[in-house]
Amino acid sequence: MRRSTTQPAAQIEKWTEEDVHRWLTTEVKVHESCADRFVEEEVSGDSLVAFTKTDILDLGIKHGPAVKIISYLKSLKDGSQRDQFPAYVEHWTKEQVNQWLLQHVTVYSKYAERLQEEDVSGDYLVCFKKQDFLDLEVKSGPAVKILAKLSKLTNNPEPTLQPIAHTSTEPKEAPNTNQPEVRLAQTVATNQPQPCNTTESETGRMVGNESGKVQQPLKKDSEEETQHPKPQNSGARRKENNETPALRGVSKITMEIQKTLDDLLKEDFKRFHFYLKQYTKSKYEPIPQSKLEGRDTMDTAKLMTDHYESKEALRVTLEILREIGQSELALQLENNVGKKTNV
């Protein structure tokens, strides 16, 4: 299985699961944990030849390695040559890719962070096509710009990459055109990527500066304004509570969903969002990706109960938890709410 050797599909189909694992670790050179997922899912050669990027993502593998695997598989089957790039590019870590995107391509920090979340290091980046960027919700303009800058690296000196100081977690989506490198470089931490909280500052602003819009209804529902009543509004709020007694149930379910989501690991919370945005087993439309992006656990729980209403939000939560292998959390959530829900 030398890199330069073409393997017709019929020959690849003869590979065992061990052959597939060996090819992934020695030829494609993805992390062994990625290769292990193929073995766990019993992917032998006759299955591998039919795999698409979506199939690989469904294994829980991130976009970066998924793109590289598909690129190498295509070259293996049809004998096509992959684009050549300077060796230093393929040696970039995902943090260095982040630095290059911010300091030399000058894209918005949200796009650089998105690629870092998906483990896009240099050897993965060079396999990306425009559609791969679009699949990560990078707009066409930045996607084309990244590819153009990437192709120019072949004939240009190696760019200097400056460490990015973790001075602020707030993303600046509209960089100053006069100083794009300096301003954007201050927005991303390179050593500790946050896969599920890339725009945490956005939700922070919602919880902090706009708490009256997001948090006060929860406080009203759960505490009934007994601790810090506001004379001008307390009467209206008590009236609202009397007119809509179901809000008390919504608050309880919202808080219990939030507590349950807090128990998920970052990757599991990301998978929860992935399934939620395409959930179609409800009379309600799926929650749009634009509303889910950057949401933390509290925002997600509140968004679900607002979108689905309380009982349906609980049902959807339970079903998705079981779908991502979190049956124990689902059972715990049912018990905490105090009522079993059939899903």
Protein backbone atom coordinates (compact mmCIF):
# COMPACT_ATOMS: atom_id res chain seq x y z
CA MET A 1 0.00 0.00 0.00
CA ARG A 2 2.62 2.54 -1.07
CA ARG A 3 1.42 6.09 -1.39
CA SER A 4 2.13 6.24 -5.12
CA THR A 5 0.44 2.95 -5.94
CA THR A 6 -3.03 2.90 -7.41
CA GLN A 7 -5.36 0.40 -5.77
CA PRO A 8 -8.37 -0.48 -7.95
CA ALA A 9 -11.62 -0.70 -6.01
CA ALA A 10 -11.72 -4.46 -6.53
CA GLN A 11 -8.37 -4.81 -4.77
CA ILE A 12 -9.31 -2.50 -1.91
CA GLU A 13 -12.42 -4.58 -1.36
CA LYS A 14 -10.19 -7.48 -0.32
CA TRP A 15 -8.78 -5.56 2.63
CA THR A 16 -9.57 -6.80 6.10
CA GLU A 17 -10.46 -4.48 8.95
CA GLU A 18 -6.82 -4.66 10.03
CA ASP A 19 -5.69 -3.62 6.54
CA VAL A 20 -7.99 -0.60 6.69
CA HIS A 21 -6.62 0.32 10.13
CA ARG A 22 -3.03 -0.05 8.89
CA TRP A 23 -3.69 2.13 5.83
CA LEU A 24 -5.26 4.86 7.96
CA THR A 25 -2.39 5.00 10.44
CA THR A 26 0.59 4.50 8.09
CA GLU A 27 -0.53 6.04 4.79
CA VAL A 28 -3.19 8.59 5.67
CA LYS A 29 -1.52 9.15 9.05
CA VAL A 30 -4.60 10.02 11.04
CA HIS A 31 -4.63 9.60 14.79
CA GLU A 32 -4.93 6.00 15.89
CA SER A 33 -8.19 6.76 17.68
CA CYS A 34 -9.74 7.65 14.30
CA ALA A 35 -8.52 4.39 12.81
CA ASP A 36 -9.86 2.52 15.83
CA ARG A 37 -13.34 3.85 15.11
CA PHE A 38 -13.28 2.12 11.72
CA VAL A 39 -12.40 -1.17 13.39
CA GLU A 40 -15.09 -0.69 16.03
CA GLU A 41 -17.63 -0.18 13.25
CA GLU A 42 -16.32 -3.24 11.34
CA VAL A 43 -15.21 -1.27 8.27
CA SER A 44 -13.34 -3.59 5.93
CA GLY A 45 -12.23 -2.80 2.39
CA ASP A 46 -15.52 -3.67 0.73
CA SER A 47 -17.22 -1.12 2.97
CA LEU A 48 -14.48 1.49 2.74
CA VAL A 49 -14.73 1.87 -1.04
CA ALA A 50 -18.32 3.07 -0.67
CA PHE A 51 -17.64 5.54 2.15
CA THR A 52 -18.38 9.23 1.74
CA LYS A 53 -17.33 12.09 4.00
CA THR A 54 -20.74 12.00 5.64
CA ASP A 55 -20.26 8.33 6.49
CA ILE A 56 -16.96 9.16 8.19
CA LEU A 57 -18.46 12.08 10.11
CA ASP A 58 -21.20 9.72 11.29
CA LEU A 59 -18.48 7.70 13.02
CA GLY A 60 -17.90 10.69 15.29
CA ILE A 61 -14.72 11.68 13.45
CA LYS A 62 -14.12 15.40 13.01
CA HIS A 63 -14.11 17.25 9.71
CA GLY A 64 -10.34 17.65 9.45
CA PRO A 65 -9.40 13.96 9.44
CA ALA A 66 -12.58 13.06 7.54
CA VAL A 67 -11.58 15.31 4.62
CA LYS A 68 -8.07 13.84 4.52
CA ILE A 69 -9.32 10.25 4.60
CA ILE A 70 -11.70 10.87 1.69
CA SER A 71 -8.99 12.67 -0.27
CA TYR A 72 -6.55 9.80 0.17
CA LEU A 73 -9.24 7.22 -0.61
CA LYS A 74 -10.09 8.98 -3.88
CA SER A 75 -6.42 9.12 -4.89
CA LEU A 76 -6.03 5.49 -3.97
CA LYS A 77 -8.94 4.38 -6.14
CA ASP A 78 -8.39 6.50 -9.26
CA GLY A 79 -4.66 7.13 -9.10
CA SER A 80 -5.02 10.92 -9.09
CA GLN A 81 -2.22 12.99 -7.63
CA ARG A 82 -2.92 15.18 -4.67
CA ASP A 83 -1.85 18.82 -4.79
CA GLN A 84 1.67 19.42 -3.56
CA PHE A 85 2.37 21.96 -0.86
CA PRO A 86 5.51 22.98 1.05
CA ALA A 87 6.40 20.52 3.79
CA TYR A 88 6.10 23.19 6.46
CA VAL A 89 2.39 23.61 5.68
CA GLU A 90 1.67 19.94 6.26
CA HIS A 91 3.56 20.15 9.56
CA TRP A 92 1.40 22.97 10.90
CA THR A 93 -0.59 22.19 14.01
CA LYS A 94 -4.22 23.23 14.16
CA GLU A 95 -3.12 26.20 16.27
CA GLN A 96 -0.69 27.30 13.56
CA VAL A 97 -3.43 26.97 10.94
CA ASN A 98 -5.52 29.21 13.18
CA GLN A 99 -2.69 31.76 13.33
CA TRP A 100 -2.20 31.70 9.56
CA LEU A 101 -5.91 32.22 8.91
CA LEU A 102 -6.09 35.17 11.27
CA GLN A 103 -2.75 36.84 10.54
CA HIS A 104 -2.25 36.21 6.82
CA VAL A 105 -5.63 35.33 5.31
CA THR A 106 -7.41 37.71 7.71
CA VAL A 107 -10.70 35.85 7.91
CA TYR A 108 -13.18 36.38 10.70
CA SER A 109 -12.17 34.72 13.94
CA LYS A 110 -15.34 32.60 13.93
CA TYR A 111 -14.12 30.83 10.78
CA ALA A 112 -10.63 30.25 12.14
CA GLU A 113 -12.12 28.90 15.35
CA ARG A 114 -14.49 26.65 13.42
CA LEU A 115 -11.61 24.96 11.63
CA GLN A 116 -9.66 24.59 14.86
CA GLU A 117 -12.69 22.95 16.49
CA GLU A 118 -12.69 20.37 13.70
CA ASP A 119 -8.99 19.56 14.22
CA VAL A 120 -7.89 21.06 10.91
CA SER A 121 -4.10 20.93 11.06
CA GLY A 122 -1.88 21.62 8.06
CA ASP A 123 -1.94 18.10 6.60
CA TYR A 124 -5.74 18.20 6.70
CA LEU A 125 -6.03 21.76 5.38
CA VAL A 126 -4.19 20.95 2.16
CA CYS A 127 -6.86 18.33 1.36
CA PHE A 128 -9.76 20.79 1.69
CA LYS A 129 -11.90 21.78 -1.27
CA LYS A 130 -14.38 24.64 -1.38
CA GLN A 131 -17.31 22.42 -0.45
CA ASP A 132 -15.49 21.25 2.67
CA PHE A 133 -15.33 24.83 3.90
CA LEU A 134 -18.98 25.39 3.02
CA ASP A 135 -19.88 22.28 5.01
CA LEU A 136 -18.32 24.00 8.04
CA GLU A 137 -20.51 27.06 7.38
CA VAL A 138 -17.61 29.13 6.08
CA LYS A 139 -19.10 31.47 3.49
CA SER A 140 -18.03 31.26 -0.15
CA GLY A 141 -16.00 34.47 -0.02
CA PRO A 142 -13.68 33.40 2.81
CA ALA A 143 -13.57 29.83 1.46
CA VAL A 144 -12.28 30.96 -1.94
CA LYS A 145 -9.87 33.38 -0.28
CA ILE A 146 -8.40 30.64 1.94
CA LEU A 147 -7.86 28.33 -1.05
CA ALA A 148 -6.25 31.12 -3.07
CA LYS A 149 -3.88 32.05 -0.25
CA LEU A 150 -3.08 28.39 0.31
CA SER A 151 -2.11 27.84 -3.32
CA LYS A 152 0.25 30.82 -3.22
CA LEU A 153 2.26 29.29 -0.38
CA THR A 154 4.01 27.02 -2.88
CA ASN A 155 5.89 29.95 -4.45
CA ASN A 156 6.19 32.22 -1.44
CA PRO A 157 8.50 32.17 1.59
CA GLU A 158 7.19 30.54 4.73
CA PRO A 159 4.97 33.07 6.52
CA THR A 160 5.81 34.17 10.03
CA LEU A 161 3.22 33.03 12.55
CA GLN A 162 2.90 34.95 15.79
CA PRO A 163 1.51 33.32 18.95
CA ILE A 164 -1.99 34.50 19.72
CA ALA A 165 -2.35 35.99 23.19
CA HIS A 166 -5.41 34.83 25.09
CA THR A 167 -6.41 38.32 26.12
CA SER A 168 -10.07 38.04 25.38
CA THR A 169 -12.61 35.37 24.58
CA GLU A 170 -14.82 37.76 22.71
CA PRO A 171 -14.84 37.11 18.95
CA LYS A 172 -14.60 40.11 16.69
CA GLU A 173 -16.62 39.14 13.63
CA ALA A 174 -16.13 42.48 11.95
CA PRO A 175 -12.38 43.15 12.09
CA ASN A 176 -10.91 46.60 11.65
CA THR A 177 -9.77 46.72 8.04
CA ASN A 178 -6.79 48.88 8.98
CA GLN A 179 -5.41 46.44 11.55
CA PRO A 180 -6.95 43.01 10.84
CA GLU A 181 -4.01 40.92 12.03
CA VAL A 182 -3.56 42.59 15.40
CA ARG A 183 -7.26 42.79 16.27
CA LEU A 184 -8.13 39.28 15.18
CA ALA A 185 -5.06 37.77 16.75
CA GLN A 186 -6.27 38.83 20.16
CA THR A 187 -9.52 36.87 19.93
CA VAL A 188 -8.48 33.19 19.86
CA ALA A 189 -6.66 30.95 22.32
CA THR A 190 -4.40 28.47 20.55
CA ASN A 191 -3.70 25.98 23.29
CA GLN A 192 -7.23 25.23 24.49
CA PRO A 193 -9.77 25.09 21.63
CA GLN A 194 -13.38 25.12 22.76
CA PRO A 195 -15.31 22.86 20.35
CA CYS A 196 -18.68 23.58 21.88
CA ASN A 197 -18.21 27.18 22.96
CA THR A 198 -16.51 28.93 20.07
CA THR A 199 -18.74 31.96 20.37
CA GLU A 200 -19.22 31.74 24.08
CA SER A 201 -18.85 35.48 24.39
CA GLU A 202 -21.96 35.94 22.31
CA THR A 203 -23.97 33.92 24.79
CA GLY A 204 -22.15 35.68 27.59
CA ARG A 205 -23.45 38.97 26.30
CA MET A 206 -26.93 37.49 26.13
CA VAL A 207 -26.75 36.30 29.72
CA GLY A 208 -25.04 39.46 30.98
CA ASN A 209 -26.06 42.52 28.99
CA GLU A 210 -29.40 41.15 27.85
CA SER A 211 -30.28 39.16 30.94
CA GLY A 212 -33.60 40.88 31.08
CA LYS A 213 -34.59 39.12 27.88
CA VAL A 214 -33.19 35.68 28.55
CA GLN A 215 -32.79 35.09 32.24
CA GLN A 216 -35.61 37.00 33.91
CA PRO A 217 -38.38 34.70 32.63
CA LEU A 218 -36.50 31.74 34.17
CA LYS A 219 -36.09 33.57 37.43
CA LYS A 220 -39.73 34.55 37.36
CA ASP A 221 -40.81 30.97 36.76
CA SER A 222 -38.58 29.29 39.32
CA GLU A 223 -38.45 31.87 42.08
CA GLU A 224 -41.73 33.70 41.41
CA GLU A 225 -39.99 37.01 42.11
CA THR A 226 -40.06 36.40 45.88
CA GLN A 227 -36.45 37.31 46.59
CA HIS A 228 -36.02 40.49 44.52
CA PRO A 229 -39.43 41.85 43.55
CA LYS A 230 -39.59 44.95 41.40
CA PRO A 231 -42.45 47.22 42.54
CA GLN A 232 -43.20 48.58 39.06
CA ASN A 233 -43.52 45.18 37.39
CA SER A 234 -44.32 42.67 40.15
CA GLY A 235 -48.06 43.07 39.82
CA ALA A 236 -47.98 42.52 36.09
CA ARG A 237 -45.73 39.53 36.51
CA ARG A 238 -47.93 37.97 39.17
CA LYS A 239 -50.87 38.47 36.87
CA GLU A 240 -48.98 36.85 34.03
CA ASN A 241 -48.16 33.90 36.28
CA ASN A 242 -51.81 33.53 37.19
CA GLU A 243 -52.87 33.65 33.55
CA THR A 244 -50.23 31.17 32.39
CA PRO A 245 -49.69 28.60 35.14
CA ALA A 246 -47.95 26.25 32.68
CA LEU A 247 -44.89 28.48 32.84
CA ARG A 248 -43.98 26.89 36.14
CA GLY A 249 -43.64 23.51 34.40
CA VAL A 250 -41.65 25.05 31.57
CA SER A 251 -39.20 26.52 34.04
CA LYS A 252 -38.68 23.22 35.83
CA ILE A 253 -38.13 21.35 32.58
CA THR A 254 -35.85 24.07 31.25
CA MET A 255 -33.67 23.91 34.32
CA GLU A 256 -33.58 20.10 34.36
CA ILE A 257 -32.65 19.97 30.66
CA GLN A 258 -29.90 22.51 31.31
CA LYS A 259 -28.52 20.51 34.24
CA THR A 260 -28.51 17.37 32.11
CA LEU A 261 -26.71 19.09 29.23
CA ASP A 262 -24.12 20.33 31.72
CA ASP A 263 -23.22 16.69 32.38
CA LEU A 264 -22.28 16.10 28.74
CA LEU A 265 -18.69 16.26 27.60
CA LYS A 266 -17.92 18.94 25.01
CA GLU A 267 -17.92 16.44 22.17
CA ASP A 268 -21.20 14.93 23.33
CA PHE A 269 -22.77 18.39 23.63
CA LYS A 270 -21.62 19.11 20.09
CA ARG A 271 -23.21 15.86 18.91
CA PHE A 272 -26.40 16.82 20.75
CA HIS A 273 -26.52 20.06 18.75
CA PHE A 274 -25.82 18.12 15.54
CA TYR A 275 -28.80 15.83 16.08
CA LEU A 276 -31.02 18.66 17.36
CA LYS A 277 -30.62 20.83 14.27
CA GLN A 278 -31.78 17.98 12.02
CA TYR A 279 -34.43 16.50 14.32
CA THR A 280 -37.58 15.83 12.26
CA LYS A 281 -39.65 13.54 14.50
CA SER A 282 -41.70 16.40 15.88
CA LYS A 283 -44.67 18.40 14.68
CA TYR A 284 -42.40 21.43 14.99
CA GLU A 285 -39.77 22.37 12.43
CA PRO A 286 -36.12 21.69 13.39
CA ILE A 287 -34.31 24.48 15.19
CA PRO A 288 -32.16 26.33 12.62
CA GLN A 289 -28.39 26.03 12.86
CA SER A 290 -28.12 29.82 13.05
CA LYS A 291 -30.00 29.80 16.35
CA LEU A 292 -27.93 26.97 17.82
CA GLU A 293 -24.50 28.28 16.90
CA GLY A 294 -22.53 29.31 19.97
CA ARG A 295 -25.28 28.43 22.44
CA ASP A 296 -24.28 27.14 25.85
CA THR A 297 -26.32 24.65 27.86
CA MET A 298 -28.65 27.21 29.42
CA ASP A 299 -29.30 28.92 26.09
CA THR A 300 -29.94 25.57 24.43
CA ALA A 301 -32.40 24.45 27.10
CA LYS A 302 -34.28 27.76 26.98
CA LEU A 303 -34.29 27.73 23.18
CA MET A 304 -35.73 24.20 23.13
CA THR A 305 -38.57 24.92 25.55
CA ASP A 306 -39.41 28.15 23.69
CA HIS A 307 -39.34 26.37 20.34
CA TYR A 308 -40.98 23.04 21.18
CA GLU A 309 -42.89 23.93 24.39
CA SER A 310 -42.03 22.14 27.60
CA LYS A 311 -43.30 18.58 27.18
CA GLU A 312 -42.17 18.25 23.59
CA ALA A 313 -38.77 19.76 24.46
CA LEU A 314 -38.37 17.12 27.16
CA ARG A 315 -39.34 14.35 24.74
CA VAL A 316 -36.91 15.59 22.08
CA THR A 317 -34.12 15.89 24.65
CA LEU A 318 -34.65 12.34 25.90
CA GLU A 319 -34.69 10.89 22.41
CA ILE A 320 -31.53 12.69 21.30
CA LEU A 321 -29.72 11.71 24.51
CA ARG A 322 -30.47 8.07 23.79
CA GLU A 323 -29.47 8.53 20.17
CA ILE A 324 -26.00 9.71 21.20
CA GLY A 325 -25.55 6.90 23.71
CA GLN A 326 -26.49 8.82 26.87
CA SER A 327 -29.32 6.57 28.09
CA GLU A 328 -28.31 6.94 31.74
CA LEU A 329 -28.57 10.73 31.53
CA ALA A 330 -31.94 10.36 29.82
CA LEU A 331 -33.22 8.16 32.64
CA GLN A 332 -31.84 10.59 35.22
CA LEU A 333 -33.58 13.48 33.46
CA GLU A 334 -36.89 11.60 33.49
CA ASN A 335 -36.55 10.93 37.19
CA ASN A 336 -35.59 14.52 37.98
CA VAL A 337 -38.58 15.90 36.12
CA GLY A 338 -40.71 13.50 38.12
CA LYS A 339 -42.67 11.99 35.28
CA LYS A 340 -41.86 9.37 32.65
CA THR A 341 -42.19 10.47 29.08
CA ASN A 342 -42.74 7.99 26.27
CA VAL A 343 -40.46 8.61 23.29
